[in-house]
Amino acid sequence: SFDHQVKVIRTMPNTPSLVGEGMSVLCPNK
């Protein structure tokens, strides 16, 4: 979507984050 370098982290969190017990997965770009 951009014509320049951009910092991106693809993630997958879940709703138990609401009570401090979420499980999230992170994938950063270069």
PDB file of all heavy atoms in Angstrom:
ATOM      1  N   SER A   1       0.815  -1.213   0.000  1.00  0.00           N
ATOM      2  CA  SER A   1       0.000   0.000   0.000  1.00  0.00           C
ATOM      3  C   SER A   1       0.854   1.271   0.000  1.00  0.00           C
ATOM      4  O   SER A   1       0.326   2.361  -0.209  1.00  0.00           O
ATOM      5  CB  SER A   1      -0.920   0.020   1.232  1.00  0.00           C
ATOM      6  OG  SER A   1      -1.797  -1.087   1.224  1.00  0.00           O
ATOM      7  N   PHE A   2       2.147   1.121   0.255  1.00  0.00           N
ATOM      8  CA  PHE A   2       3.032   2.275   0.367  1.00  0.00           C
ATOM      9  C   PHE A   2       4.078   2.263  -0.747  1.00  0.00           C
ATOM     10  O   PHE A   2       4.425   1.206  -1.274  1.00  0.00           O
ATOM     11  CB  PHE A   2       3.738   2.272   1.727  1.00  0.00           C
ATOM     12  CG  PHE A   2       2.818   2.449   2.897  1.00  0.00           C
ATOM     13  CD1 PHE A   2       2.170   1.351   3.459  1.00  0.00           C
ATOM     14  CD2 PHE A   2       2.593   3.695   3.453  1.00  0.00           C
ATOM     15  CE1 PHE A   2       1.314   1.496   4.540  1.00  0.00           C
ATOM     16  CE2 PHE A   2       1.739   3.860   4.533  1.00  0.00           C
ATOM     17  CZ  PHE A   2       1.095   2.762   5.080  1.00  0.00           C
ATOM     18  N   ASP A   3       4.604   3.441  -1.056  1.00  0.00           N
ATOM     19  CA  ASP A   3       5.683   3.538  -2.044  1.00  0.00           C
ATOM     20  C   ASP A   3       7.031   3.736  -1.357  1.00  0.00           C
ATOM     21  O   ASP A   3       8.000   4.186  -1.968  1.00  0.00           O
ATOM     22  CB  ASP A   3       5.413   4.673  -3.039  1.00  0.00           C
ATOM     23  CG  ASP A   3       5.229   6.022  -2.357  1.00  0.00           C
ATOM     24  OD1 ASP A   3       5.456   6.096  -1.126  1.00  0.00           O
ATOM     25  OD2 ASP A   3       4.870   6.994  -3.045  1.00  0.00           O
ATOM     26  N   HIS A   4       7.092   3.408  -0.077  1.00  0.00           N
ATOM     27  CA  HIS A   4       8.331   3.504   0.691  1.00  0.00           C
ATOM     28  C   HIS A   4       8.352   2.385   1.733  1.00  0.00           C
ATOM     29  O   HIS A   4       7.346   1.704   1.952  1.00  0.00           O
ATOM     30  CB  HIS A   4       8.447   4.872   1.372  1.00  0.00           C
ATOM     31  CG  HIS A   4       7.305   5.205   2.284  1.00  0.00           C
ATOM     32  ND1 HIS A   4       7.208   4.717   3.577  1.00  0.00           N
ATOM     33  CD2 HIS A   4       6.179   5.961   2.091  1.00  0.00           C
ATOM     34  CE1 HIS A   4       6.104   5.167   4.134  1.00  0.00           C
ATOM     35  NE2 HIS A   4       5.454   5.916   3.267  1.00  0.00           N
ATOM     36  N   GLN A   5       9.507   2.197   2.360  1.00  0.00           N
ATOM     37  CA  GLN A   5       9.620   1.183   3.397  1.00  0.00           C
ATOM     38  C   GLN A   5       8.693   1.510   4.560  1.00  0.00           C
ATOM     39  O   GLN A   5       8.549   2.663   4.944  1.00  0.00           O
ATOM     40  CB  GLN A   5      11.066   1.102   3.904  1.00  0.00           C
ATOM     41  CG  GLN A   5      12.055   0.646   2.859  1.00  0.00           C
ATOM     42  CD  GLN A   5      13.484   0.634   3.388  1.00  0.00           C
ATOM     43  OE1 GLN A   5      13.749   1.004   4.528  1.00  0.00           O
ATOM     44  NE2 GLN A   5      14.413   0.211   2.554  1.00  0.00           N
ATOM     45  N   VAL A   6       8.079   0.479   5.104  1.00  0.00           N
ATOM     46  CA  VAL A   6       7.150   0.680   6.212  1.00  0.00           C
ATOM     47  C   VAL A   6       7.339  -0.425   7.240  1.00  0.00           C
ATOM     48  O   VAL A   6       7.627  -1.577   6.897  1.00  0.00           O
ATOM     49  CB  VAL A   6       5.690   0.721   5.698  1.00  0.00           C
ATOM     50  CG1 VAL A   6       5.308  -0.581   5.026  1.00  0.00           C
ATOM     51  CG2 VAL A   6       4.722   1.066   6.821  1.00  0.00           C
ATOM     52  N   LYS A   7       7.215  -0.063   8.502  1.00  0.00           N
ATOM     53  CA  LYS A   7       7.381  -1.021   9.594  1.00  0.00           C
ATOM     54  C   LYS A   7       6.034  -1.690   9.881  1.00  0.00           C
ATOM     55  O   LYS A   7       5.056  -1.006  10.184  1.00  0.00           O
ATOM     56  CB  LYS A   7       7.891  -0.306  10.846  1.00  0.00           C
ATOM     57  CG  LYS A   7       9.265   0.349  10.692  1.00  0.00           C
ATOM     58  CD  LYS A   7       9.622   1.141  11.939  1.00  0.00           C
ATOM     59  CE  LYS A   7      10.947   1.865  11.795  1.00  0.00           C
ATOM     60  NZ  LYS A   7      12.096   0.916  11.815  1.00  0.00           N
ATOM     61  N   VAL A   8       5.999  -3.018   9.789  1.00  0.00           N
ATOM     62  CA  VAL A   8       4.748  -3.767   9.960  1.00  0.00           C
ATOM     63  C   VAL A   8       4.969  -4.952  10.896  1.00  0.00           C
ATOM     64  O   VAL A   8       5.984  -5.648  10.797  1.00  0.00           O
ATOM     65  CB  VAL A   8       4.209  -4.293   8.610  1.00  0.00           C
ATOM     66  CG1 VAL A   8       2.885  -5.033   8.808  1.00  0.00           C
ATOM     67  CG2 VAL A   8       4.056  -3.171   7.608  1.00  0.00           C
ATOM     68  N   ILE A   9       4.017  -5.166  11.790  1.00  0.00           N
ATOM     69  CA  ILE A   9       3.996  -6.394  12.588  1.00  0.00           C
ATOM     70  C   ILE A   9       2.615  -7.026  12.429  1.00  0.00           C
ATOM     71  O   ILE A   9       1.605  -6.422  12.771  1.00  0.00           O
ATOM     72  CB  ILE A   9       4.287  -6.140  14.079  1.00  0.00           C
ATOM     73  CG1 ILE A   9       5.656  -5.480  14.252  1.00  0.00           C
ATOM     74  CG2 ILE A   9       4.237  -7.456  14.859  1.00  0.00           C
ATOM     75  CD1 ILE A   9       6.029  -5.184  15.698  1.00  0.00           C
ATOM     76  N   ARG A  10       2.605  -8.200  11.865  1.00  0.00           N
ATOM     77  CA  ARG A  10       1.359  -8.972  11.736  1.00  0.00           C
ATOM     78  C   ARG A  10       1.141  -9.722  13.042  1.00  0.00           C
ATOM     79  O   ARG A  10       2.053 -10.392  13.544  1.00  0.00           O
ATOM     80  CB  ARG A  10       1.472  -9.952  10.572  1.00  0.00           C
ATOM     81  CG  ARG A  10       0.232 -10.810  10.344  1.00  0.00           C
ATOM     82  CD  ARG A  10       0.452 -11.744   9.150  1.00  0.00           C
ATOM     83  NE  ARG A  10      -0.691 -12.639   8.979  1.00  0.00           N
ATOM     84  CZ  ARG A  10      -0.765 -13.589   8.042  1.00  0.00           C
ATOM     85  NH1 ARG A  10       0.252 -13.760   7.204  1.00  0.00           N
ATOM     86  NH2 ARG A  10      -1.837 -14.356   7.942  1.00  0.00           N
ATOM     87  N   THR A  11      -0.045  -9.620  13.617  1.00  0.00           N
ATOM     88  CA  THR A  11      -0.292 -10.268  14.901  1.00  0.00           C
ATOM     89  C   THR A  11      -1.614 -11.026  14.900  1.00  0.00           C
ATOM     90  O   THR A  11      -2.476 -10.808  14.045  1.00  0.00           O
ATOM     91  CB  THR A  11      -0.325  -9.251  16.072  1.00  0.00           C
ATOM     92  OG1 THR A  11      -1.552  -8.506  16.044  1.00  0.00           O
ATOM     93  CG2 THR A  11       0.855  -8.303  16.017  1.00  0.00           C
ATOM     94  N   MET A  12      -1.759 -11.903  15.866  1.00  0.00           N
ATOM     95  CA  MET A  12      -3.013 -12.606  16.094  1.00  0.00           C
ATOM     96  C   MET A  12      -3.236 -12.672  17.603  1.00  0.00           C
ATOM     97  O   MET A  12      -2.706 -13.539  18.288  1.00  0.00           O
ATOM     98  CB  MET A  12      -2.972 -14.014  15.487  1.00  0.00           C
ATOM     99  CG  MET A  12      -4.223 -14.860  15.735  1.00  0.00           C
ATOM    100  SD  MET A  12      -5.779 -14.081  15.242  1.00  0.00           S
ATOM    101  CE  MET A  12      -5.479 -13.771  13.508  1.00  0.00           C
ATOM    102  N   PRO A  13      -3.991 -11.734  18.153  1.00  0.00           N
ATOM    103  CA  PRO A  13      -4.327 -11.768  19.578  1.00  0.00           C
ATOM    104  C   PRO A  13      -5.630 -12.537  19.788  1.00  0.00           C
ATOM    105  O   PRO A  13      -6.211 -13.060  18.836  1.00  0.00           O
ATOM    106  CB  PRO A  13      -4.516 -10.289  19.916  1.00  0.00           C
ATOM    107  CG  PRO A  13      -5.055  -9.717  18.627  1.00  0.00           C
ATOM    108  CD  PRO A  13      -4.476 -10.528  17.490  1.00  0.00           C
ATOM    109  N   ASN A  14      -6.080 -12.627  21.030  1.00  0.00           N
ATOM    110  CA  ASN A  14      -7.408 -13.195  21.277  1.00  0.00           C
ATOM    111  C   ASN A  14      -8.109 -12.457  22.409  1.00  0.00           C
ATOM    112  O   ASN A  14      -7.498 -11.673  23.143  1.00  0.00           O
ATOM    113  CB  ASN A  14      -7.355 -14.712  21.509  1.00  0.00           C
ATOM    114  CG  ASN A  14      -6.584 -15.114  22.754  1.00  0.00           C
ATOM    115  OD1 ASN A  14      -6.274 -14.304  23.619  1.00  0.00           O
ATOM    116  ND2 ASN A  14      -6.276 -16.393  22.858  1.00  0.00           N
ATOM    117  N   THR A  15      -9.404 -12.678  22.534  1.00  0.00           N
ATOM    118  CA  THR A  15     -10.224 -11.862  23.431  1.00  0.00           C
ATOM    119  C   THR A  15      -9.951 -12.038  24.924  1.00  0.00           C
ATOM    120  O   THR A  15     -10.276 -11.126  25.691  1.00  0.00           O
ATOM    121  CB  THR A  15     -11.736 -12.098  23.177  1.00  0.00           C
ATOM    122  OG1 THR A  15     -12.015 -13.497  23.268  1.00  0.00           O
ATOM    123  CG2 THR A  15     -12.135 -11.579  21.809  1.00  0.00           C
ATOM    124  N   PRO A  16      -9.354 -13.133  25.413  1.00  0.00           N
ATOM    125  CA  PRO A  16      -9.003 -13.173  26.834  1.00  0.00           C
ATOM    126  C   PRO A  16      -8.016 -12.075  27.261  1.00  0.00           C
ATOM    127  O   PRO A  16      -7.748 -11.931  28.458  1.00  0.00           O
ATOM    128  CB  PRO A  16      -8.418 -14.584  27.015  1.00  0.00           C
ATOM    129  CG  PRO A  16      -9.151 -15.405  26.015  1.00  0.00           C
ATOM    130  CD  PRO A  16      -9.261 -14.496  24.824  1.00  0.00           C
ATOM    131  N   SER A  17      -7.532 -11.313  26.304  1.00  0.00           N
ATOM    132  CA  SER A  17      -6.729 -10.126  26.625  1.00  0.00           C
ATOM    133  C   SER A  17      -7.504  -9.198  27.561  1.00  0.00           C
ATOM    134  O   SER A  17      -6.919  -8.457  28.355  1.00  0.00           O
ATOM    135  CB  SER A  17      -6.381  -9.362  25.341  1.00  0.00           C
ATOM    136  OG  SER A  17      -5.686 -10.184  24.434  1.00  0.00           O
ATOM    137  N   LEU A  18      -8.835  -9.247  27.446  1.00  0.00           N
ATOM    138  CA  LEU A  18      -9.708  -8.402  28.265  1.00  0.00           C
ATOM    139  C   LEU A  18      -9.489  -8.636  29.757  1.00  0.00           C
ATOM    140  O   LEU A  18      -9.629  -7.718  30.560  1.00  0.00           O
ATOM    141  CB  LEU A  18     -11.176  -8.680  27.912  1.00  0.00           C
ATOM    142  CG  LEU A  18     -12.243  -7.825  28.570  1.00  0.00           C
ATOM    143  CD1 LEU A  18     -12.153  -6.386  28.089  1.00  0.00           C
ATOM    144  CD2 LEU A  18     -13.630  -8.379  28.268  1.00  0.00           C
ATOM    145  N   VAL A  19      -9.109  -9.851  30.126  1.00  0.00           N
ATOM    146  CA  VAL A  19      -8.908 -10.176  31.544  1.00  0.00           C
ATOM    147  C   VAL A  19      -7.433 -10.467  31.846  1.00  0.00           C
ATOM    148  O   VAL A  19      -7.103 -11.102  32.857  1.00  0.00           O
ATOM    149  CB  VAL A  19      -9.794 -11.367  31.978  1.00  0.00           C
ATOM    150  CG1 VAL A  19     -11.259 -10.972  31.945  1.00  0.00           C
ATOM    151  CG2 VAL A  19      -9.540 -12.599  31.114  1.00  0.00           C
ATOM    152  N   GLY A  20      -6.554  -9.995  30.973  1.00  0.00           N
ATOM    153  CA  GLY A  20      -5.126 -10.143  31.212  1.00  0.00           C
ATOM    154  C   GLY A  20      -4.570 -11.519  30.941  1.00  0.00           C
ATOM    155  O   GLY A  20      -3.463 -11.849  31.357  1.00  0.00           O
ATOM    156  N   GLU A  21      -5.326 -12.355  30.195  1.00  0.00           N
ATOM    157  CA  GLU A  21      -4.885 -13.715  29.908  1.00  0.00           C
ATOM    158  C   GLU A  21      -4.903 -13.992  28.406  1.00  0.00           C
ATOM    159  O   GLU A  21      -5.208 -15.096  27.963  1.00  0.00           O
ATOM    160  CB  GLU A  21      -5.759 -14.736  30.643  1.00  0.00           C
ATOM    161  CG  GLU A  21      -5.617 -14.716  32.153  1.00  0.00           C
ATOM    162  CD  GLU A  21      -4.242 -15.145  32.647  1.00  0.00           C
ATOM    163  OE1 GLU A  21      -3.459 -15.697  31.847  1.00  0.00           O
ATOM    164  OE2 GLU A  21      -3.949 -14.932  33.840  1.00  0.00           O
ATOM    165  N   GLY A  22      -4.570 -12.979  27.632  1.00  0.00           N
ATOM    166  CA  GLY A  22      -4.540 -13.152  26.188  1.00  0.00           C
ATOM    167  C   GLY A  22      -3.372 -14.014  25.739  1.00  0.00           C
ATOM    168  O   GLY A  22      -2.385 -14.194  26.447  1.00  0.00           O
ATOM    169  N   MET A  23      -3.490 -14.567  24.537  1.00  0.00           N
ATOM    170  CA  MET A  23      -2.377 -15.264  23.880  1.00  0.00           C
ATOM    171  C   MET A  23      -2.235 -14.653  22.498  1.00  0.00           C
ATOM    172  O   MET A  23      -3.155 -14.720  21.687  1.00  0.00           O
ATOM    173  CB  MET A  23      -2.659 -16.765  23.771  1.00  0.00           C
ATOM    174  CG  MET A  23      -1.496 -17.572  23.169  1.00  0.00           C
ATOM    175  SD  MET A  23      -0.023 -17.583  24.213  1.00  0.00           S
ATOM    176  CE  MET A  23       1.190 -16.771  23.147  1.00  0.00           C
ATOM    177  N   SER A  24      -1.104 -13.998  22.253  1.00  0.00           N
ATOM    178  CA  SER A  24      -0.893 -13.296  20.997  1.00  0.00           C
ATOM    179  C   SER A  24       0.337 -13.839  20.280  1.00  0.00           C
ATOM    180  O   SER A  24       1.302 -14.271  20.915  1.00  0.00           O
ATOM    181  CB  SER A  24      -0.699 -11.795  21.248  1.00  0.00           C
ATOM    182  OG  SER A  24      -1.791 -11.244  21.948  1.00  0.00           O
ATOM    183  N   VAL A  25       0.280 -13.814  18.962  1.00  0.00           N
ATOM    184  CA  VAL A  25       1.404 -14.227  18.134  1.00  0.00           C
ATOM    185  C   VAL A  25       1.824 -13.037  17.281  1.00  0.00           C
ATOM    186  O   VAL A  25       0.977 -12.341  16.715  1.00  0.00           O
ATOM    187  CB  VAL A  25       1.024 -15.422  17.239  1.00  0.00           C
ATOM    188  CG1 VAL A  25       2.214 -15.851  16.397  1.00  0.00           C
ATOM    189  CG2 VAL A  25       0.530 -16.585  18.089  1.00  0.00           C
ATOM    190  N   LEU A  26       3.134 -12.787  17.201  1.00  0.00           N
ATOM    191  CA  LEU A  26       3.657 -11.623  16.504  1.00  0.00           C
ATOM    192  C   LEU A  26       4.601 -12.058  15.392  1.00  0.00           C
ATOM    193  O   LEU A  26       5.392 -12.994  15.570  1.00  0.00           O
ATOM    194  CB  LEU A  26       4.437 -10.713  17.464  1.00  0.00           C
ATOM    195  CG  LEU A  26       3.684  -9.821  18.451  1.00  0.00           C
ATOM    196  CD1 LEU A  26       2.832 -10.631  19.419  1.00  0.00           C
ATOM    197  CD2 LEU A  26       4.665  -8.958  19.237  1.00  0.00           C
ATOM    198  N   CYS A  27       4.520 -11.360  14.252  1.00  0.00           N
ATOM    199  CA  CYS A  27       5.413 -11.631  13.129  1.00  0.00           C
ATOM    200  C   CYS A  27       5.854 -10.289  12.535  1.00  0.00           C
ATOM    201  O   CYS A  27       5.057  -9.609  11.879  1.00  0.00           O
ATOM    202  CB  CYS A  27       4.701 -12.479  12.081  1.00  0.00           C
ATOM    203  SG  CYS A  27       5.695 -12.744  10.595  1.00  0.00           S
ATOM    204  N   PRO A  28       7.103  -9.860  12.765  1.00  0.00           N
ATOM    205  CA  PRO A  28       7.573  -8.565  12.264  1.00  0.00           C
ATOM    206  C   PRO A  28       8.111  -8.651  10.837  1.00  0.00           C
ATOM    207  O   PRO A  28       8.601  -9.704  10.412  1.00  0.00           O
ATOM    208  CB  PRO A  28       8.707  -8.231  13.242  1.00  0.00           C
ATOM    209  CG  PRO A  28       9.278  -9.578  13.582  1.00  0.00           C
ATOM    210  CD  PRO A  28       8.114 -10.535  13.610  1.00  0.00           C
ATOM    211  N   ASN A  29       8.024  -7.542  10.124  1.00  0.00           N
ATOM    212  CA  ASN A  29       8.706  -7.505   8.830  1.00  0.00           C
ATOM    213  C   ASN A  29      10.172  -7.108   9.044  1.00  0.00           C
ATOM    214  O   ASN A  29      10.608  -6.838  10.172  1.00  0.00           O
ATOM    215  CB  ASN A  29       7.981  -6.613   7.822  1.00  0.00           C
ATOM    216  CG  ASN A  29       8.194  -5.114   8.063  1.00  0.00           C
ATOM    217  OD1 ASN A  29       8.687  -4.689   9.117  1.00  0.00           O
ATOM    218  ND2 ASN A  29       7.800  -4.311   7.105  1.00  0.00           N
ATOM    219  N   LYS A  30      10.938  -7.070   7.983  1.00  0.00           N
ATOM    220  CA  LYS A  30      12.394  -6.910   8.114  1.00  0.00           C
ATOM    221  C   LYS A  30      12.817  -5.514   8.546  1.00  0.00           C
ATOM    222  O   LYS A  30      13.985  -5.295   8.883  1.00  0.00           O
ATOM    223  CB  LYS A  30      13.072  -7.258   6.784  1.00  0.00           C
ATOM    224  CG  LYS A  30      12.655  -6.381   5.611  1.00  0.00           C
ATOM    225  CD  LYS A  30      13.309  -6.876   4.333  1.00  0.00           C
ATOM    226  CE  LYS A  30      12.880  -6.046   3.127  1.00  0.00           C
ATOM    227  NZ  LYS A  30      13.501  -6.558   1.874  1.00  0.00           N
TER     228      LYS A  30
END
